[in-house]
């Protein structure tokens, strides 16, 4: 997954807005006026922050070295994902969708 793939996937979700409220280097995606994903444009490899259920957040960090506590975020509710090829794209998309659903208040 690269930044274009990430952007395209985020924008497929209903009512998503994108912007740069923190400056030109951080792409932000919101739903209902609330952030569900942030991506640094200068990071190589790509990294992005997603919201996560607190119980699941720590489990994901234990299972995947590419999942870290949310950089500059509440570490209980946010993870930073390093897109280094160690996590399959389907899981990355699942985590993005989970974040979107948490923020949009959509139940599974």
Protein backbone atom coordinates (compact mmCIF):
# COMPACT_ATOMS: atom_id res chain seq x y z
CA UNK A 1 0.00 0.00 0.00
CA UNK A 2 1.28 3.43 -0.91
CA UNK A 3 -0.14 6.87 -0.13
CA UNK A 4 -2.29 6.89 -3.28
CA UNK A 5 -3.79 3.49 -2.40
CA UNK A 6 -4.41 4.67 1.16
CA UNK A 7 -6.13 7.85 -0.01
CA UNK A 8 -8.28 6.00 -2.53
CA UNK A 9 -9.35 3.43 0.08
CA UNK A 10 -10.22 6.06 2.69
CA UNK A 11 -12.28 8.07 0.22
CA UNK A 12 -14.36 4.99 -0.68
CA UNK A 13 -16.06 5.23 2.72
CA UNK A 14 -19.23 7.36 2.95
CA UNK A 15 -19.03 11.01 4.00
CA UNK A 16 -15.22 11.11 4.25
CA UNK A 17 -13.44 14.45 4.04
CA UNK A 18 -9.71 14.87 3.52
CA UNK A 19 -7.58 17.83 4.40
CA UNK A 20 -4.37 19.22 5.85
CA UNK A 21 -5.38 20.87 9.16
CA UNK A 22 -1.92 20.28 10.68
CA UNK A 23 0.12 21.55 7.74
CA UNK A 24 1.16 20.30 4.30
CA UNK A 25 2.96 17.18 5.55
CA UNK A 26 0.06 15.42 7.30
CA UNK A 27 -2.92 14.14 5.33
CA UNK A 28 -6.02 13.78 7.52
CA UNK A 29 -9.24 11.88 6.86
CA UNK A 30 -12.40 12.67 8.84
CA UNK A 31 -15.95 11.41 9.09
CA UNK A 32 -18.62 13.39 10.93
CA UNK A 33 -15.96 16.06 11.52
CA UNK A 34 -13.76 13.64 13.50
CA UNK A 35 -10.39 12.20 12.51
CA UNK A 36 -10.18 8.49 11.75
CA UNK A 37 -6.80 8.43 9.97
CA UNK A 38 -3.68 10.61 9.74
CA UNK A 39 -0.78 9.93 7.40
CA UNK A 40 2.60 11.62 7.31
CA UNK A 41 3.56 12.38 3.74
CA UNK A 42 7.29 12.53 4.46
CA UNK A 43 7.60 9.06 6.03
CA UNK A 44 9.42 6.30 4.20
CA UNK A 45 8.05 3.73 4.60
CA UNK A 46 4.51 5.07 4.76
CA UNK A 47 3.05 5.35 8.27
CA UNK A 48 -0.46 6.18 9.35
CA UNK A 49 -2.41 6.47 12.59
CA UNK A 50 -5.78 4.79 13.05
CA UNK A 51 -8.21 4.67 15.94
CA UNK A 52 -8.60 1.28 17.55
CA UNK A 53 -10.64 -0.38 20.27
CA UNK A 54 -8.37 -0.18 23.37
CA UNK A 55 -8.36 -3.93 24.01
CA UNK A 56 -7.58 -4.69 20.39
CA UNK A 57 -4.93 -1.95 20.13
CA UNK A 58 -2.52 -3.65 22.52
CA UNK A 59 -3.16 -7.10 21.05
CA UNK A 60 -2.28 -5.83 17.58
CA UNK A 61 0.94 -4.29 18.90
CA UNK A 62 1.91 -7.64 20.43
CA UNK A 63 1.13 -9.57 17.23
CA UNK A 64 2.68 -7.20 14.67
CA UNK A 65 6.02 -5.38 15.04
CA UNK A 66 4.75 -2.85 12.45
CA UNK A 67 1.97 -1.74 14.83
CA UNK A 68 3.13 0.83 17.37
CA UNK A 69 1.41 3.02 19.97
CA UNK A 70 -0.13 6.04 18.24
CA UNK A 71 2.51 8.67 17.51
CA UNK A 72 1.41 12.00 19.04
CA UNK A 73 -1.97 10.44 19.86
CA UNK A 74 -3.73 8.87 22.84
CA UNK A 75 -1.88 5.56 22.95
CA UNK A 76 -4.84 3.79 24.51
CA UNK A 77 -7.04 4.48 21.46
CA UNK A 78 -4.64 4.96 18.54
CA UNK A 79 -2.05 2.86 16.73
CA UNK A 80 0.62 3.89 14.26
CA UNK A 81 0.94 1.43 11.40
CA UNK A 82 4.27 1.20 9.57
CA UNK A 83 3.65 -0.02 6.04
CA UNK A 84 6.84 -2.05 5.71
CA UNK A 85 5.37 -5.04 3.86
CA UNK A 86 5.09 -7.22 6.96
CA UNK A 87 1.31 -6.77 7.24
CA UNK A 88 -0.96 -7.92 4.38
CA UNK A 89 -2.90 -5.21 2.58
CA UNK A 90 -6.24 -6.79 3.56
CA UNK A 91 -5.35 -6.31 7.24
CA UNK A 92 -4.31 -2.70 6.65
CA UNK A 93 -7.68 -2.07 5.01
CA UNK A 94 -9.48 -3.86 7.84
CA UNK A 95 -7.78 -1.60 10.41
CA UNK A 96 -8.65 1.50 8.39
CA UNK A 97 -12.29 0.41 8.16
CA UNK A 98 -12.36 -0.39 11.88
CA UNK A 99 -11.10 3.11 12.62
CA UNK A 100 -13.68 4.63 10.31
CA UNK A 101 -16.45 2.60 11.96
CA UNK A 102 -15.35 3.58 15.48
CA UNK A 103 -15.39 7.27 14.59
CA UNK A 104 -18.56 7.09 12.48
CA UNK A 105 -20.18 5.03 15.29
CA UNK A 106 -21.02 2.13 12.97
CA UNK A 107 -21.43 -1.22 14.71
CA UNK A 108 -20.25 -4.43 13.06
